[in-house]
Structures are given as C-alpha cells and as structure tokens.
Amino acid sequence: MTSPSTLRCLLAVAAATVLTVGCASTPTVDRADLEQEVSSQLENEVGTAPDDVECPDDLDGEEGADIRCTLTAGPDKVGLTVTVTGVEGSNVSFDIEVDDLVQEGAAEQ
C-alpha cells in the first residue's frame, strides 16, 4: 500500500502513451484503459501501484483535453489531472499531475 504523501512527493508529473480505441474522427482513450495506464505509470514512478484509480469518463484524444480522476491509497483519496499533450495516429500522449492535498471525492469535481 502506498501512502498519498509518497505519491505526492515522488510524483509531480508523469508522462504516458496509450493506444486509443474507437473509430471516431477524434480518438478517445477508454476509461478502463486510462485508469490502468495511470495506475501503471504511478507504480513505475513510486514503486507501488495505488489501491485504485477512478476516472469518470473516457479521455478525449485532443491536445489540451483533460480529465479529473481520483487515486486511492489506503484510506485516503487524492485527486489527479490527466492532460493530453499530443496525438499521433491512434496514440495519445498525456501527463499525470497528482494534487498536493488529500481530498475526498476529487473525481466528482
């Protein structure tokens, strides 16, 4: 189990690339794929995956698009923002920024 302070201290921003799904003119990253990729990237940075990552929806594959998600570490929830930094074909690159403060219900904002 990773403490939120460890996540906040060791991870200010992490970059990731995810293959998109969907055939729309604007690619999207499926919510479940996004949650898994965020968890994997946090584990790579900190050494331990959060207990859970929840995002409210799919991520639009447009540069500058963002989504608020929540990670759970033990009894604490910490908000995070995923922001698309680039799109190339079916690949969406994004940054993950973890909030400084522990918050309840951060994904519901």
N, C-alpha and C. Protein backbone atom coordinates (compact mmCIF):
# COMPACT_ATOMS: atom_id res chain seq x y z
N MET A 1 0.85 -1.17 0.00
CA MET A 1 0.00 0.00 0.00
C MET A 1 0.90 1.24 0.00
N THR A 2 0.59 2.20 -0.85
CA THR A 2 1.36 3.41 -0.98
C THR A 2 0.66 4.54 -0.25
N SER A 3 1.41 5.31 0.51
CA SER A 3 0.79 6.44 1.18
C SER A 3 0.64 7.60 0.21
N PRO A 4 -0.39 8.44 0.39
CA PRO A 4 -0.57 9.58 -0.50
C PRO A 4 0.60 10.53 -0.46
N SER A 5 1.24 10.68 0.72
CA SER A 5 2.38 11.59 0.78
C SER A 5 3.53 11.09 -0.08
N THR A 6 3.72 9.78 -0.15
CA THR A 6 4.74 9.22 -1.03
C THR A 6 4.40 9.52 -2.48
N LEU A 7 3.14 9.33 -2.85
CA LEU A 7 2.72 9.62 -4.22
C LEU A 7 2.93 11.09 -4.54
N ARG A 8 2.54 11.99 -3.63
CA ARG A 8 2.67 13.42 -3.90
C ARG A 8 4.13 13.84 -3.96
N CYS A 9 4.97 13.30 -3.07
CA CYS A 9 6.37 13.70 -3.03
C CYS A 9 7.14 13.19 -4.24
N LEU A 10 6.89 11.97 -4.65
CA LEU A 10 7.67 11.37 -5.71
C LEU A 10 7.11 11.58 -7.10
N LEU A 11 5.86 11.98 -7.18
CA LEU A 11 5.26 12.12 -8.50
C LEU A 11 4.54 13.45 -8.62
N ALA A 12 5.17 14.39 -9.27
CA ALA A 12 4.50 15.65 -9.58
C ALA A 12 3.84 15.50 -10.94
N VAL A 13 4.60 15.00 -11.90
CA VAL A 13 4.07 14.82 -13.25
C VAL A 13 4.73 13.58 -13.84
N ALA A 14 3.93 12.72 -14.49
CA ALA A 14 4.47 11.57 -15.20
C ALA A 14 3.88 11.57 -16.60
N ALA A 15 4.64 11.11 -17.57
CA ALA A 15 4.14 11.05 -18.95
C ALA A 15 3.81 9.60 -19.30
N ALA A 16 2.83 9.44 -20.16
CA ALA A 16 2.45 8.10 -20.60
C ALA A 16 1.92 8.17 -22.02
N THR A 17 1.91 7.03 -22.69
CA THR A 17 1.30 6.93 -24.01
C THR A 17 0.37 5.74 -24.00
N VAL A 18 -0.82 5.92 -24.52
CA VAL A 18 -1.83 4.87 -24.52
C VAL A 18 -2.37 4.72 -25.93
N LEU A 19 -2.55 3.49 -26.38
CA LEU A 19 -3.24 3.28 -27.65
C LEU A 19 -4.71 3.62 -27.46
N THR A 20 -5.27 4.30 -28.39
CA THR A 20 -6.68 4.68 -28.27
C THR A 20 -7.57 3.61 -28.84
N VAL A 21 -8.81 3.68 -28.45
CA VAL A 21 -9.82 2.80 -29.01
C VAL A 21 -10.92 3.68 -29.59
N GLY A 22 -11.69 3.12 -30.46
CA GLY A 22 -12.77 3.87 -31.08
C GLY A 22 -12.36 4.34 -32.46
N CYS A 23 -13.33 4.48 -33.33
CA CYS A 23 -13.06 4.84 -34.71
C CYS A 23 -13.58 6.23 -35.06
N ALA A 24 -13.89 7.02 -34.07
CA ALA A 24 -14.40 8.37 -34.32
C ALA A 24 -13.29 9.24 -34.89
N SER A 25 -13.68 10.40 -35.45
CA SER A 25 -12.69 11.30 -36.01
C SER A 25 -11.74 11.81 -34.93
N THR A 26 -12.22 11.95 -33.71
CA THR A 26 -11.37 12.30 -32.58
C THR A 26 -11.16 11.04 -31.76
N PRO A 27 -9.93 10.58 -31.62
CA PRO A 27 -9.69 9.35 -30.85
C PRO A 27 -10.04 9.56 -29.38
N THR A 28 -10.36 8.48 -28.69
CA THR A 28 -10.62 8.53 -27.26
C THR A 28 -9.87 7.39 -26.58
N VAL A 29 -9.51 7.62 -25.33
CA VAL A 29 -8.90 6.58 -24.51
C VAL A 29 -10.01 6.07 -23.60
N ASP A 30 -10.31 4.80 -23.71
CA ASP A 30 -11.34 4.16 -22.90
C ASP A 30 -11.04 4.36 -21.41
N ARG A 31 -12.08 4.62 -20.64
CA ARG A 31 -11.93 4.88 -19.21
C ARG A 31 -11.14 3.79 -18.50
N ALA A 32 -11.48 2.53 -18.74
CA ALA A 32 -10.78 1.42 -18.07
C ALA A 32 -9.31 1.38 -18.47
N ASP A 33 -9.02 1.61 -19.75
CA ASP A 33 -7.62 1.64 -20.21
C ASP A 33 -6.87 2.80 -19.58
N LEU A 34 -7.53 3.95 -19.48
CA LEU A 34 -6.91 5.13 -18.87
C LEU A 34 -6.59 4.87 -17.40
N GLU A 35 -7.55 4.31 -16.67
CA GLU A 35 -7.33 4.02 -15.25
C GLU A 35 -6.16 3.05 -15.07
N GLN A 36 -6.08 2.03 -15.91
CA GLN A 36 -4.99 1.05 -15.82
C GLN A 36 -3.65 1.70 -16.15
N GLU A 37 -3.62 2.53 -17.18
CA GLU A 37 -2.37 3.18 -17.58
C GLU A 37 -1.89 4.17 -16.52
N VAL A 38 -2.81 4.93 -15.94
CA VAL A 38 -2.45 5.85 -14.86
C VAL A 38 -1.87 5.06 -13.68
N SER A 39 -2.53 3.98 -13.30
CA SER A 39 -2.03 3.14 -12.20
C SER A 39 -0.64 2.60 -12.51
N SER A 40 -0.43 2.13 -13.73
CA SER A 40 0.88 1.59 -14.13
C SER A 40 1.97 2.66 -14.09
N GLN A 41 1.64 3.86 -14.58
CA GLN A 41 2.62 4.93 -14.58
C GLN A 41 2.97 5.36 -13.16
N LEU A 42 1.97 5.43 -12.28
CA LEU A 42 2.24 5.77 -10.88
C LEU A 42 3.11 4.70 -10.23
N GLU A 43 2.83 3.44 -10.53
CA GLU A 43 3.65 2.35 -9.99
C GLU A 43 5.09 2.45 -10.49
N ASN A 44 5.28 2.79 -11.76
CA ASN A 44 6.63 2.95 -12.31
C ASN A 44 7.39 4.07 -11.61
N GLU A 45 6.69 5.15 -11.26
CA GLU A 45 7.34 6.30 -10.63
C GLU A 45 7.60 6.08 -9.15
N VAL A 46 6.67 5.43 -8.45
CA VAL A 46 6.73 5.34 -7.00
C VAL A 46 7.19 3.97 -6.51
N GLY A 47 6.99 2.94 -7.32
CA GLY A 47 7.39 1.60 -6.93
C GLY A 47 6.24 0.74 -6.45
N THR A 48 5.10 1.34 -6.18
CA THR A 48 3.90 0.62 -5.75
C THR A 48 2.70 1.25 -6.42
N ALA A 49 1.80 0.42 -6.91
CA ALA A 49 0.58 0.94 -7.54
C ALA A 49 -0.38 1.44 -6.48
N PRO A 50 -1.17 2.46 -6.80
CA PRO A 50 -2.23 2.85 -5.87
C PRO A 50 -3.23 1.71 -5.73
N ASP A 51 -4.01 1.73 -4.66
CA ASP A 51 -5.03 0.70 -4.47
C ASP A 51 -6.07 0.75 -5.58
N ASP A 52 -6.37 1.96 -6.07
CA ASP A 52 -7.38 2.11 -7.11
C ASP A 52 -7.19 3.46 -7.80
N VAL A 53 -7.59 3.52 -9.06
CA VAL A 53 -7.68 4.79 -9.80
C VAL A 53 -9.05 4.80 -10.46
N GLU A 54 -9.78 5.89 -10.27
CA GLU A 54 -11.11 6.02 -10.86
C GLU A 54 -11.18 7.31 -11.67
N CYS A 55 -11.63 7.17 -12.92
CA CYS A 55 -11.88 8.32 -13.79
C CYS A 55 -13.35 8.29 -14.16
N PRO A 56 -13.98 9.46 -14.31
CA PRO A 56 -15.42 9.48 -14.54
C PRO A 56 -15.85 9.14 -15.97
N ASP A 57 -14.92 9.18 -16.94
CA ASP A 57 -15.33 9.01 -18.33
C ASP A 57 -14.10 8.67 -19.17
N ASP A 58 -14.32 8.48 -20.47
CA ASP A 58 -13.22 8.31 -21.42
C ASP A 58 -12.47 9.65 -21.55
N LEU A 59 -11.23 9.60 -22.01
CA LEU A 59 -10.42 10.80 -22.25
C LEU A 59 -10.43 11.11 -23.74
N ASP A 60 -10.86 12.32 -24.10
CA ASP A 60 -10.83 12.74 -25.49
C ASP A 60 -9.39 12.92 -25.94
N GLY A 61 -9.07 12.38 -27.10
CA GLY A 61 -7.73 12.46 -27.64
C GLY A 61 -7.49 13.75 -28.42
N GLU A 62 -7.65 14.86 -27.75
CA GLU A 62 -7.36 16.17 -28.33
C GLU A 62 -6.31 16.84 -27.47
N GLU A 63 -5.29 17.40 -28.09
CA GLU A 63 -4.25 18.08 -27.32
C GLU A 63 -4.89 19.14 -26.43
N GLY A 64 -4.51 19.12 -25.16
CA GLY A 64 -5.05 20.06 -24.18
C GLY A 64 -6.25 19.55 -23.42
N ALA A 65 -6.90 18.48 -23.92
CA ALA A 65 -8.04 17.91 -23.20
C ALA A 65 -7.56 17.35 -21.86
N ASP A 66 -8.39 17.47 -20.83
CA ASP A 66 -8.01 16.91 -19.54
C ASP A 66 -9.20 16.28 -18.86
N ILE A 67 -8.89 15.50 -17.83
CA ILE A 67 -9.92 14.82 -17.04
C ILE A 67 -9.42 14.73 -15.61
N ARG A 68 -10.34 14.88 -14.66
CA ARG A 68 -10.02 14.72 -13.25
C ARG A 68 -10.30 13.29 -12.84
N CYS A 69 -9.36 12.68 -12.14
CA CYS A 69 -9.51 11.32 -11.65
C CYS A 69 -9.17 11.31 -10.16
N THR A 70 -9.39 10.17 -9.54
CA THR A 70 -9.08 10.01 -8.12
C THR A 70 -8.28 8.73 -7.93
N LEU A 71 -7.20 8.83 -7.16
CA LEU A 71 -6.47 7.63 -6.78
C LEU A 71 -6.75 7.37 -5.31
N THR A 72 -6.79 6.10 -4.96
CA THR A 72 -6.99 5.69 -3.58
C THR A 72 -5.71 5.01 -3.11
N ALA A 73 -5.21 5.47 -1.97
CA ALA A 73 -4.03 4.88 -1.34
C ALA A 73 -4.37 4.68 0.13
N GLY A 74 -4.63 3.43 0.51
CA GLY A 74 -5.09 3.17 1.87
C GLY A 74 -6.44 3.84 2.08
N PRO A 75 -6.61 4.54 3.20
CA PRO A 75 -7.90 5.18 3.47
C PRO A 75 -8.06 6.54 2.77
N ASP A 76 -7.01 7.01 2.13
CA ASP A 76 -7.01 8.35 1.55
C ASP A 76 -7.30 8.35 0.06
N LYS A 77 -7.92 9.44 -0.39
CA LYS A 77 -8.15 9.68 -1.81
C LYS A 77 -7.43 10.96 -2.18
N VAL A 78 -6.77 10.92 -3.35
CA VAL A 78 -6.04 12.08 -3.84
C VAL A 78 -6.47 12.32 -5.28
N GLY A 79 -6.81 13.57 -5.60
CA GLY A 79 -7.19 13.91 -6.95
C GLY A 79 -5.98 13.98 -7.86
N LEU A 80 -6.23 13.78 -9.13
CA LEU A 80 -5.17 13.94 -10.12
C LEU A 80 -5.79 14.41 -11.43
N THR A 81 -4.98 15.05 -12.24
CA THR A 81 -5.42 15.53 -13.54
C THR A 81 -4.60 14.86 -14.62
N VAL A 82 -5.28 14.34 -15.62
CA VAL A 82 -4.63 13.76 -16.80
C VAL A 82 -4.86 14.75 -17.94
N THR A 83 -3.77 15.22 -18.57
CA THR A 83 -3.87 16.20 -19.65
C THR A 83 -3.19 15.66 -20.90
N VAL A 84 -3.91 15.69 -22.03
CA VAL A 84 -3.36 15.22 -23.30
C VAL A 84 -2.31 16.21 -23.79
N THR A 85 -1.11 15.68 -24.08
CA THR A 85 -0.02 16.51 -24.56
C THR A 85 0.23 16.35 -26.06
N GLY A 86 -0.32 15.30 -26.65
CA GLY A 86 -0.14 15.09 -28.07
C GLY A 86 -0.92 13.89 -28.57
N VAL A 87 -1.23 13.92 -29.86
CA VAL A 87 -1.94 12.82 -30.50
C VAL A 87 -1.25 12.54 -31.82
N GLU A 88 -0.87 11.27 -32.03
CA GLU A 88 -0.26 10.87 -33.29
C GLU A 88 -0.91 9.57 -33.73
N GLY A 89 -1.74 9.65 -34.74
CA GLY A 89 -2.48 8.47 -35.18
C GLY A 89 -3.39 7.99 -34.08
N SER A 90 -3.19 6.75 -33.65
CA SER A 90 -4.02 6.20 -32.58
C SER A 90 -3.33 6.23 -31.23
N ASN A 91 -2.22 6.97 -31.12
CA ASN A 91 -1.51 7.11 -29.85
C ASN A 91 -1.82 8.46 -29.22
N VAL A 92 -2.17 8.43 -27.95
CA VAL A 92 -2.44 9.64 -27.20
C VAL A 92 -1.39 9.73 -26.09
N SER A 93 -0.63 10.82 -26.07
CA SER A 93 0.34 11.06 -25.01
C SER A 93 -0.28 11.98 -23.98
N PHE A 94 -0.01 11.73 -22.71
CA PHE A 94 -0.59 12.58 -21.68
C PHE A 94 0.32 12.68 -20.47
N ASP A 95 0.11 13.75 -19.70
CA ASP A 95 0.78 13.96 -18.42
C ASP A 95 -0.20 13.67 -17.30
N ILE A 96 0.34 13.22 -16.17
CA ILE A 96 -0.45 12.97 -14.97
C ILE A 96 0.09 13.89 -13.88
N GLU A 97 -0.78 14.70 -13.30
CA GLU A 97 -0.36 15.57 -12.20
C GLU A 97 -1.21 15.24 -10.97
N VAL A 98 -0.54 14.81 -9.91
CA VAL A 98 -1.21 14.44 -8.67
C VAL A 98 -1.35 15.69 -7.80
N ASP A 99 -2.54 15.88 -7.22
CA ASP A 99 -2.79 17.03 -6.35
C ASP A 99 -1.87 16.99 -5.13
N ASP A 100 -1.67 18.15 -4.53
CA ASP A 100 -0.86 18.26 -3.31
C ASP A 100 -1.63 17.88 -2.05
N LEU A 101 -2.95 17.99 -2.10
CA LEU A 101 -3.77 17.76 -0.91
C LEU A 101 -4.62 16.51 -1.05
N VAL A 102 -4.77 15.80 0.06
CA VAL A 102 -5.68 14.66 0.12
C VAL A 102 -7.10 15.22 0.11
N GLN A 103 -7.95 14.68 -0.77
CA GLN A 103 -9.33 15.18 -0.88
C GLN A 103 -10.27 14.01 -1.02
N GLU A 104 -11.43 14.12 -0.42
CA GLU A 104 -12.48 13.14 -0.65
C GLU A 104 -13.27 13.55 -1.88
N GLY A 105 -13.61 12.60 -2.74
CA GLY A 105 -14.48 12.87 -3.89
C GLY A 105 -13.85 13.73 -4.96
N ALA A 106 -12.53 13.68 -5.15
CA ALA A 106 -11.85 14.56 -6.10
C ALA A 106 -12.31 14.34 -7.53
N ALA A 107 -12.70 13.13 -7.91
CA ALA A 107 -13.11 12.87 -9.30
C ALA A 107 -14.49 13.45 -9.60
N GLU A 108 -15.22 13.83 -8.57
CA GLU A 108 -16.58 14.32 -8.77
C GLU A 108 -16.63 15.80 -9.01
N GLN A 109 -15.50 16.49 -9.01
CA GLN A 109 -15.47 17.94 -9.20
C GLN A 109 -15.82 18.33 -10.60
